[in-house]
Amino acid sequence: MANAQRARRLRALQGGAPAESAPAAGGIRLAAVVGREGDLFRVRAGRWERLAACDSSVDPALVEAAIVSGARVVLEEQPAPVIVGALATRRAVEVGPGEEVHLSVKRFVVEATEEALLRTRSAFLRVKDDEVELFGGRILSRARELARVLARAIQLN
């Protein structure tokens, strides 16, 4: 098989068959995703460009993100190419042993269109629209200098 590939490359260099041909059935290759057309994605590898379906095991949002970031996807050539994965080009948030997530970043932003909820077994912080709810067995607020509560009205039970 290696000899056949070398022969194809040699013919391509000498002006024969094009160097960028579709992979053989069952082969895999990397490609850039250049757009989306309905349920299919347009992928390009060199001069080779085709429409590819997204395998059911792959989150289409991951492929959409590859369009924006320029990350490569993994194609499996079946009768038609199928996207079977995407290459990671940035660090992912990892869940470690004991189901723990540790991050060290300069800034952490979470945006929710309806509601954000931070919950433990017996306490929670809920943000919904313009309302913030804080609940716990004991709520502690500390300030080194000054603690202020600003509101039109304050109600204590």
N, C-alpha and C. Protein backbone atom coordinates (compact mmCIF):
# COMPACT_ATOMS: atom_id res chain seq x y z
N MET A 1 0.82 -1.19 0.00
CA MET A 1 0.00 0.00 0.00
C MET A 1 0.87 1.26 0.00
N ALA A 2 1.96 1.25 0.75
CA ALA A 2 2.85 2.40 0.81
C ALA A 2 3.43 2.69 -0.57
N ASN A 3 3.72 1.63 -1.34
CA ASN A 3 4.26 1.83 -2.69
C ASN A 3 3.24 2.49 -3.59
N ALA A 4 1.96 2.13 -3.46
CA ALA A 4 0.91 2.74 -4.28
C ALA A 4 0.78 4.22 -3.95
N GLN A 5 0.90 4.58 -2.68
CA GLN A 5 0.81 5.99 -2.30
C GLN A 5 2.00 6.77 -2.85
N ARG A 6 3.19 6.17 -2.75
CA ARG A 6 4.37 6.84 -3.30
C ARG A 6 4.23 7.05 -4.80
N ALA A 7 3.70 6.04 -5.50
CA ALA A 7 3.52 6.15 -6.95
C ALA A 7 2.53 7.26 -7.28
N ARG A 8 1.44 7.37 -6.51
CA ARG A 8 0.46 8.44 -6.75
C ARG A 8 1.09 9.81 -6.54
N ARG A 9 1.88 9.94 -5.47
CA ARG A 9 2.54 11.23 -5.21
C ARG A 9 3.53 11.57 -6.31
N LEU A 10 4.27 10.58 -6.78
CA LEU A 10 5.23 10.81 -7.85
C LEU A 10 4.51 11.25 -9.12
N ARG A 11 3.38 10.58 -9.46
CA ARG A 11 2.60 10.99 -10.64
C ARG A 11 2.08 12.41 -10.48
N ALA A 12 1.67 12.76 -9.24
CA ALA A 12 1.16 14.11 -9.00
C ALA A 12 2.25 15.14 -9.20
N LEU A 13 3.47 14.84 -8.73
CA LEU A 13 4.58 15.77 -8.89
C LEU A 13 4.97 15.91 -10.36
N GLN A 14 4.77 14.84 -11.13
CA GLN A 14 5.12 14.87 -12.55
C GLN A 14 3.96 15.38 -13.40
N GLY A 15 2.87 15.83 -12.75
CA GLY A 15 1.77 16.38 -13.53
C GLY A 15 0.67 15.38 -13.82
N GLY A 16 0.66 14.23 -13.18
CA GLY A 16 -0.37 13.22 -13.41
C GLY A 16 -1.60 13.48 -12.57
N ALA A 17 -2.00 12.50 -11.78
CA ALA A 17 -3.19 12.58 -10.94
C ALA A 17 -3.05 13.69 -9.91
N PRO A 18 -4.14 14.32 -9.51
CA PRO A 18 -4.05 15.37 -8.51
C PRO A 18 -3.59 14.81 -7.17
N ALA A 19 -2.79 15.59 -6.44
CA ALA A 19 -2.25 15.13 -5.16
C ALA A 19 -3.32 15.02 -4.10
N GLU A 20 -4.34 15.86 -4.15
CA GLU A 20 -5.39 15.85 -3.14
C GLU A 20 -6.60 15.11 -3.67
N SER A 21 -6.66 13.84 -3.47
CA SER A 21 -7.82 13.07 -3.86
C SER A 21 -8.55 12.62 -2.61
N ALA A 22 -9.78 12.20 -2.75
CA ALA A 22 -10.56 11.74 -1.60
C ALA A 22 -9.93 10.48 -1.03
N PRO A 23 -9.97 10.30 0.28
CA PRO A 23 -9.40 9.10 0.88
C PRO A 23 -10.21 7.88 0.49
N ALA A 24 -9.58 6.74 0.58
CA ALA A 24 -10.26 5.49 0.26
C ALA A 24 -11.35 5.22 1.29
N ALA A 25 -12.36 4.45 0.90
CA ALA A 25 -13.46 4.11 1.80
C ALA A 25 -12.90 3.48 3.07
N GLY A 26 -13.39 3.94 4.22
CA GLY A 26 -12.92 3.42 5.50
C GLY A 26 -11.72 4.16 6.05
N GLY A 27 -11.09 5.03 5.25
CA GLY A 27 -9.95 5.79 5.73
C GLY A 27 -10.39 6.99 6.54
N ILE A 28 -9.42 7.59 7.22
CA ILE A 28 -9.71 8.81 7.96
C ILE A 28 -8.78 9.91 7.50
N ARG A 29 -9.20 11.16 7.70
CA ARG A 29 -8.37 12.31 7.36
C ARG A 29 -8.82 13.48 8.19
N LEU A 30 -7.96 14.48 8.28
CA LEU A 30 -8.30 15.72 8.96
C LEU A 30 -8.79 16.71 7.92
N ALA A 31 -9.73 17.56 8.33
CA ALA A 31 -10.27 18.56 7.41
C ALA A 31 -10.69 19.78 8.20
N ALA A 32 -10.75 20.91 7.51
CA ALA A 32 -11.27 22.14 8.10
C ALA A 32 -12.74 22.25 7.74
N VAL A 33 -13.55 22.72 8.65
CA VAL A 33 -14.97 22.92 8.38
C VAL A 33 -15.13 24.37 7.93
N VAL A 34 -15.66 24.56 6.74
CA VAL A 34 -15.77 25.91 6.19
C VAL A 34 -17.19 26.47 6.25
N GLY A 35 -18.17 25.64 6.55
CA GLY A 35 -19.53 26.15 6.65
C GLY A 35 -20.53 25.05 6.91
N ARG A 36 -21.77 25.49 7.06
CA ARG A 36 -22.86 24.55 7.31
C ARG A 36 -23.92 24.77 6.25
N GLU A 37 -24.44 23.67 5.74
CA GLU A 37 -25.52 23.71 4.75
C GLU A 37 -26.60 22.77 5.21
N GLY A 38 -27.59 23.30 5.93
CA GLY A 38 -28.65 22.47 6.47
C GLY A 38 -28.11 21.57 7.57
N ASP A 39 -28.32 20.26 7.43
CA ASP A 39 -27.82 19.30 8.41
C ASP A 39 -26.40 18.85 8.11
N LEU A 40 -25.83 19.29 7.00
CA LEU A 40 -24.49 18.87 6.59
C LEU A 40 -23.49 19.99 6.79
N PHE A 41 -22.20 19.62 6.85
CA PHE A 41 -21.12 20.58 7.00
C PHE A 41 -20.22 20.50 5.78
N ARG A 42 -19.79 21.65 5.27
CA ARG A 42 -18.84 21.67 4.14
C ARG A 42 -17.44 21.61 4.74
N VAL A 43 -16.68 20.58 4.33
CA VAL A 43 -15.34 20.36 4.85
C VAL A 43 -14.32 20.44 3.71
N ARG A 44 -13.10 20.89 4.06
CA ARG A 44 -12.05 21.05 3.05
C ARG A 44 -10.75 20.48 3.58
N ALA A 45 -10.10 19.68 2.75
CA ALA A 45 -8.76 19.17 3.03
C ALA A 45 -7.94 19.41 1.77
N GLY A 46 -7.07 20.41 1.81
CA GLY A 46 -6.33 20.78 0.61
C GLY A 46 -7.29 21.32 -0.43
N ARG A 47 -7.25 20.76 -1.65
CA ARG A 47 -8.17 21.17 -2.71
C ARG A 47 -9.45 20.34 -2.71
N TRP A 48 -9.52 19.34 -1.86
CA TRP A 48 -10.66 18.43 -1.76
C TRP A 48 -11.72 19.06 -0.86
N GLU A 49 -12.94 19.24 -1.37
CA GLU A 49 -14.02 19.84 -0.58
C GLU A 49 -15.32 19.10 -0.84
N ARG A 50 -16.01 18.73 0.25
CA ARG A 50 -17.27 17.98 0.13
C ARG A 50 -18.18 18.30 1.28
N LEU A 51 -19.42 17.85 1.18
CA LEU A 51 -20.37 17.93 2.27
C LEU A 51 -20.24 16.67 3.12
N ALA A 52 -20.29 16.84 4.45
CA ALA A 52 -20.15 15.69 5.35
C ALA A 52 -21.24 15.76 6.42
N ALA A 53 -21.77 14.60 6.74
CA ALA A 53 -22.73 14.50 7.83
C ALA A 53 -21.96 14.43 9.14
N CYS A 54 -22.64 14.75 10.23
CA CYS A 54 -22.05 14.67 11.56
C CYS A 54 -22.53 13.38 12.21
N ASP A 55 -21.60 12.54 12.67
CA ASP A 55 -21.96 11.29 13.32
C ASP A 55 -22.81 11.58 14.56
N SER A 56 -23.70 10.68 14.89
CA SER A 56 -24.61 10.90 16.03
C SER A 56 -23.87 10.98 17.36
N SER A 57 -22.64 10.48 17.42
CA SER A 57 -21.87 10.54 18.67
C SER A 57 -21.16 11.88 18.85
N VAL A 58 -21.21 12.75 17.84
CA VAL A 58 -20.52 14.04 17.89
C VAL A 58 -21.54 15.15 18.09
N ASP A 59 -21.28 16.03 19.04
CA ASP A 59 -22.15 17.17 19.30
C ASP A 59 -21.97 18.18 18.16
N PRO A 60 -23.03 18.50 17.41
CA PRO A 60 -22.90 19.46 16.31
C PRO A 60 -22.37 20.82 16.76
N ALA A 61 -22.61 21.20 18.02
CA ALA A 61 -22.08 22.47 18.52
C ALA A 61 -20.55 22.45 18.52
N LEU A 62 -19.95 21.28 18.69
CA LEU A 62 -18.50 21.15 18.64
C LEU A 62 -17.99 21.44 17.22
N VAL A 63 -18.74 20.99 16.23
CA VAL A 63 -18.36 21.24 14.83
C VAL A 63 -18.58 22.71 14.49
N GLU A 64 -19.66 23.30 15.00
CA GLU A 64 -19.91 24.73 14.81
C GLU A 64 -18.76 25.55 15.38
N ALA A 65 -18.28 25.14 16.56
CA ALA A 65 -17.16 25.83 17.19
C ALA A 65 -15.90 25.69 16.34
N ALA A 66 -15.73 24.56 15.66
CA ALA A 66 -14.57 24.36 14.79
C ALA A 66 -14.60 25.31 13.60
N ILE A 67 -15.79 25.68 13.13
CA ILE A 67 -15.90 26.65 12.04
C ILE A 67 -15.31 27.98 12.49
N VAL A 68 -15.67 28.40 13.70
CA VAL A 68 -15.23 29.69 14.22
C VAL A 68 -13.74 29.68 14.56
N SER A 69 -13.28 28.62 15.25
CA SER A 69 -11.90 28.58 15.73
C SER A 69 -10.89 28.11 14.68
N GLY A 70 -11.37 27.44 13.64
CA GLY A 70 -10.45 26.90 12.64
C GLY A 70 -9.89 25.54 13.03
N ALA A 71 -10.41 24.94 14.10
CA ALA A 71 -9.93 23.62 14.52
C ALA A 71 -10.26 22.58 13.45
N ARG A 72 -9.47 21.56 13.37
CA ARG A 72 -9.70 20.49 12.41
C ARG A 72 -10.66 19.45 12.96
N VAL A 73 -11.40 18.82 12.05
CA VAL A 73 -12.26 17.71 12.43
C VAL A 73 -11.71 16.43 11.82
N VAL A 74 -12.13 15.31 12.40
CA VAL A 74 -11.71 14.00 11.91
C VAL A 74 -12.84 13.45 11.06
N LEU A 75 -12.51 13.11 9.81
CA LEU A 75 -13.49 12.55 8.88
C LEU A 75 -13.23 11.07 8.70
N GLU A 76 -14.29 10.30 8.67
CA GLU A 76 -14.20 8.89 8.29
C GLU A 76 -14.86 8.79 6.93
N GLU A 77 -14.10 8.28 5.97
CA GLU A 77 -14.63 8.16 4.62
C GLU A 77 -15.40 6.86 4.51
N GLN A 78 -16.70 6.99 4.40
CA GLN A 78 -17.58 5.86 4.16
C GLN A 78 -18.04 6.04 2.72
N PRO A 79 -19.21 5.60 2.32
CA PRO A 79 -19.63 5.99 0.98
C PRO A 79 -19.63 7.51 0.83
N ALA A 80 -19.92 8.22 1.91
CA ALA A 80 -19.79 9.68 1.95
C ALA A 80 -19.05 10.02 3.24
N PRO A 81 -18.31 11.12 3.27
CA PRO A 81 -17.55 11.44 4.49
C PRO A 81 -18.47 11.74 5.67
N VAL A 82 -18.03 11.31 6.87
CA VAL A 82 -18.78 11.53 8.10
C VAL A 82 -17.81 12.12 9.13
N ILE A 83 -18.24 13.18 9.81
CA ILE A 83 -17.43 13.79 10.87
C ILE A 83 -17.58 12.93 12.12
N VAL A 84 -16.45 12.36 12.58
CA VAL A 84 -16.48 11.47 13.75
C VAL A 84 -15.78 12.06 14.96
N GLY A 85 -15.30 13.29 14.85
CA GLY A 85 -14.64 13.92 15.99
C GLY A 85 -14.05 15.25 15.62
N ALA A 86 -13.54 15.93 16.62
CA ALA A 86 -12.86 17.21 16.42
C ALA A 86 -11.59 17.21 17.24
N LEU A 87 -10.56 17.84 16.73
CA LEU A 87 -9.30 17.92 17.47
C LEU A 87 -9.38 19.07 18.46
N ALA A 88 -8.95 18.83 19.67
CA ALA A 88 -8.92 19.87 20.69
C ALA A 88 -7.76 20.81 20.40
N THR A 89 -8.04 22.10 20.40
CA THR A 89 -6.99 23.08 20.16
C THR A 89 -6.79 24.00 21.36
N ARG A 90 -7.61 23.80 22.37
CA ARG A 90 -7.49 24.57 23.61
C ARG A 90 -7.71 23.64 24.79
N ARG A 91 -7.29 24.09 25.95
CA ARG A 91 -7.50 23.30 27.16
C ARG A 91 -8.99 23.17 27.44
N ALA A 92 -9.41 22.02 27.86
CA ALA A 92 -10.81 21.79 28.22
C ALA A 92 -10.94 21.79 29.74
N VAL A 93 -12.13 22.07 30.21
CA VAL A 93 -12.40 21.94 31.64
C VAL A 93 -12.50 20.45 31.93
N GLU A 94 -11.67 19.98 32.84
CA GLU A 94 -11.62 18.55 33.13
C GLU A 94 -12.25 18.25 34.48
N VAL A 95 -12.95 17.14 34.55
CA VAL A 95 -13.50 16.64 35.80
C VAL A 95 -12.51 15.61 36.31
N GLY A 96 -11.92 15.89 37.46
CA GLY A 96 -10.87 15.03 37.98
C GLY A 96 -11.40 13.95 38.91
N PRO A 97 -10.48 13.26 39.58
CA PRO A 97 -10.87 12.22 40.53
C PRO A 97 -11.74 12.84 41.63
N GLY A 98 -12.71 12.09 42.08
CA GLY A 98 -13.60 12.59 43.11
C GLY A 98 -14.62 13.58 42.56
N GLU A 99 -14.79 13.60 41.23
CA GLU A 99 -15.76 14.50 40.59
C GLU A 99 -15.48 15.96 40.93
N GLU A 100 -14.21 16.37 40.92
CA GLU A 100 -13.82 17.74 41.25
C GLU A 100 -13.36 18.47 40.00
N VAL A 101 -13.69 19.76 39.93
CA VAL A 101 -13.22 20.63 38.86
C VAL A 101 -12.40 21.73 39.49
N HIS A 102 -11.17 21.89 39.04
CA HIS A 102 -10.28 22.94 39.53
C HIS A 102 -9.88 23.80 38.34
N LEU A 103 -10.08 25.11 38.48
CA LEU A 103 -9.70 26.05 37.43
C LEU A 103 -8.83 27.13 38.02
N SER A 104 -7.91 27.62 37.23
CA SER A 104 -7.11 28.77 37.61
C SER A 104 -7.07 29.69 36.40
N VAL A 105 -7.89 30.73 36.44
CA VAL A 105 -8.00 31.65 35.31
C VAL A 105 -7.99 33.08 35.83
N LYS A 106 -7.77 34.04 34.94
CA LYS A 106 -7.81 35.44 35.33
C LYS A 106 -9.23 35.93 35.56
N ARG A 107 -10.15 35.46 34.75
CA ARG A 107 -11.53 35.91 34.83
C ARG A 107 -12.45 34.75 34.49
N PHE A 108 -13.55 34.62 35.21
CA PHE A 108 -14.50 33.53 35.00
C PHE A 108 -15.87 34.16 34.76
N VAL A 109 -16.46 33.91 33.61
CA VAL A 109 -17.74 34.51 33.24
C VAL A 109 -18.72 33.40 32.90
N VAL A 110 -19.90 33.47 33.50
CA VAL A 110 -20.99 32.56 33.17
C VAL A 110 -22.17 33.42 32.77
N GLU A 111 -22.73 33.15 31.60
CA GLU A 111 -23.91 33.88 31.15
C GLU A 111 -25.04 32.88 30.96
N ALA A 112 -26.19 33.21 31.55
CA ALA A 112 -27.37 32.36 31.42
C ALA A 112 -28.52 33.22 30.92
N THR A 113 -29.29 32.70 29.98
CA THR A 113 -30.40 33.47 29.45
C THR A 113 -31.62 33.42 30.36
N GLU A 114 -31.74 32.40 31.19
CA GLU A 114 -32.90 32.29 32.07
C GLU A 114 -32.53 32.30 33.54
N GLU A 115 -31.63 31.41 33.96
CA GLU A 115 -31.35 31.27 35.38
C GLU A 115 -29.96 30.67 35.58
N ALA A 116 -29.27 31.13 36.62
CA ALA A 116 -28.00 30.54 37.04
C ALA A 116 -28.18 30.03 38.46
N LEU A 117 -27.73 28.82 38.72
CA LEU A 117 -27.93 28.21 40.03
C LEU A 117 -26.62 27.56 40.48
N LEU A 118 -26.19 27.92 41.67
CA LEU A 118 -25.03 27.30 42.31
C LEU A 118 -25.58 26.62 43.55
N ARG A 119 -25.44 25.29 43.61
CA ARG A 119 -26.13 24.55 44.67
C ARG A 119 -25.20 23.52 45.30
N THR A 120 -25.33 23.40 46.62
CA THR A 120 -24.71 22.30 47.36
C THR A 120 -25.85 21.50 47.99
N ARG A 121 -25.50 20.55 48.85
CA ARG A 121 -26.52 19.70 49.45
C ARG A 121 -27.53 20.49 50.26
N SER A 122 -27.10 21.57 50.96
CA SER A 122 -28.03 22.27 51.85
C SER A 122 -28.04 23.80 51.68
N ALA A 123 -27.51 24.30 50.57
CA ALA A 123 -27.51 25.75 50.34
C ALA A 123 -27.51 26.01 48.83
N PHE A 124 -27.92 27.24 48.46
CA PHE A 124 -27.87 27.59 47.05
C PHE A 124 -27.80 29.10 46.85
N LEU A 125 -27.34 29.48 45.67
CA LEU A 125 -27.35 30.85 45.18
C LEU A 125 -28.04 30.79 43.83
N ARG A 126 -29.15 31.51 43.69
CA ARG A 126 -29.93 31.49 42.45
C ARG A 126 -30.03 32.90 41.91
N VAL A 127 -29.73 33.08 40.63
CA VAL A 127 -29.87 34.36 39.96
C VAL A 127 -30.85 34.16 38.82
N LYS A 128 -31.95 34.91 38.87
CA LYS A 128 -32.97 34.80 37.84
C LYS A 128 -33.47 36.20 37.53
N ASP A 129 -33.36 36.59 36.26
CA ASP A 129 -33.72 37.94 35.84
C ASP A 129 -32.98 38.96 36.71
N ASP A 130 -33.72 39.81 37.45
CA ASP A 130 -33.06 40.81 38.29
C ASP A 130 -33.14 40.45 39.78
N GLU A 131 -33.36 39.17 40.07
CA GLU A 131 -33.50 38.71 41.44
C GLU A 131 -32.35 37.77 41.81
N VAL A 132 -31.76 37.99 42.97
CA VAL A 132 -30.70 37.13 43.48
C VAL A 132 -31.20 36.53 44.79
N GLU A 133 -31.18 35.21 44.89
CA GLU A 133 -31.63 34.53 46.10
C GLU A 133 -30.47 33.74 46.68
N LEU A 134 -30.24 33.92 47.97
CA LEU A 134 -29.17 33.24 48.68
C LEU A 134 -29.80 32.50 49.85
N PHE A 135 -29.57 31.20 49.95
CA PHE A 135 -30.18 30.40 51.00
C PHE A 135 -29.14 29.47 51.60
N GLY A 136 -29.16 29.38 52.93
CA GLY A 136 -28.26 28.46 53.61
C GLY A 136 -28.60 28.40 55.08
N GLY A 137 -28.08 27.41 55.76
CA GLY A 137 -28.28 27.29 57.19
C GLY A 137 -27.66 28.46 57.93
N ARG A 138 -26.57 28.98 57.41
CA ARG A 138 -25.88 30.13 58.00
C ARG A 138 -25.31 30.93 56.84
N ILE A 139 -25.60 32.21 56.79
CA ILE A 139 -25.06 33.09 55.74
C ILE A 139 -24.10 34.05 56.41
N LEU A 140 -22.89 34.05 55.95
CA LEU A 140 -21.84 34.84 56.57
C LEU A 140 -21.30 35.83 55.54
N SER A 141 -21.25 37.09 55.93
CA SER A 141 -20.68 38.12 55.07
C SER A 141 -19.59 38.81 55.87
N ARG A 142 -18.39 38.94 55.30
CA ARG A 142 -17.27 39.56 56.02
C ARG A 142 -16.72 40.72 55.21
N ALA A 143 -16.32 41.74 55.94
CA ALA A 143 -15.69 42.89 55.30
C ALA A 143 -14.57 43.38 56.21
N ARG A 144 -13.45 43.71 55.65
CA ARG A 144 -12.31 44.21 56.43
C ARG A 144 -12.58 45.64 56.90
N GLU A 145 -13.24 46.42 56.07
CA GLU A 145 -13.47 47.83 56.39
C GLU A 145 -14.94 48.14 56.65
N LEU A 146 -15.76 48.05 55.62
CA LEU A 146 -17.14 48.51 55.71
C LEU A 146 -18.06 47.55 54.98
N ALA A 147 -19.16 47.18 55.58
CA ALA A 147 -20.19 46.35 54.92
C ALA A 147 -21.41 47.23 54.74
N ARG A 148 -21.91 47.32 53.51
CA ARG A 148 -23.06 48.17 53.23
C ARG A 148 -24.16 47.35 52.58
N VAL A 149 -25.39 47.64 52.92
CA VAL A 149 -26.55 47.07 52.27
C VAL A 149 -27.32 48.26 51.73
N LEU A 150 -27.48 48.32 50.43
CA LEU A 150 -28.17 49.43 49.78
C LEU A 150 -29.46 48.93 49.18
N ALA A 151 -30.56 49.56 49.51
CA ALA A 151 -31.85 49.18 48.97
C ALA A 151 -32.85 50.28 49.28
N ARG A 152 -33.95 50.30 48.53
CA ARG A 152 -35.03 51.24 48.80
C ARG A 152 -35.68 50.89 50.13
N ALA A 153 -35.80 49.58 50.39
CA ALA A 153 -36.39 49.12 51.65
C ALA A 153 -35.66 47.86 52.08
N ILE A 154 -35.50 47.68 53.37
CA ILE A 154 -34.88 46.48 53.94
C ILE A 154 -35.88 45.86 54.91
N GLN A 155 -36.15 44.57 54.72
CA GLN A 155 -37.09 43.87 55.58
C GLN A 155 -36.35 42.74 56.28
N LEU A 156 -36.40 42.71 57.60
CA LEU A 156 -35.79 41.65 58.40
C LEU A 156 -36.90 40.89 59.10
N ASN A 157 -36.88 39.57 59.03
CA ASN A 157 -37.92 38.78 59.72
C ASN A 157 -37.52 38.54 61.14
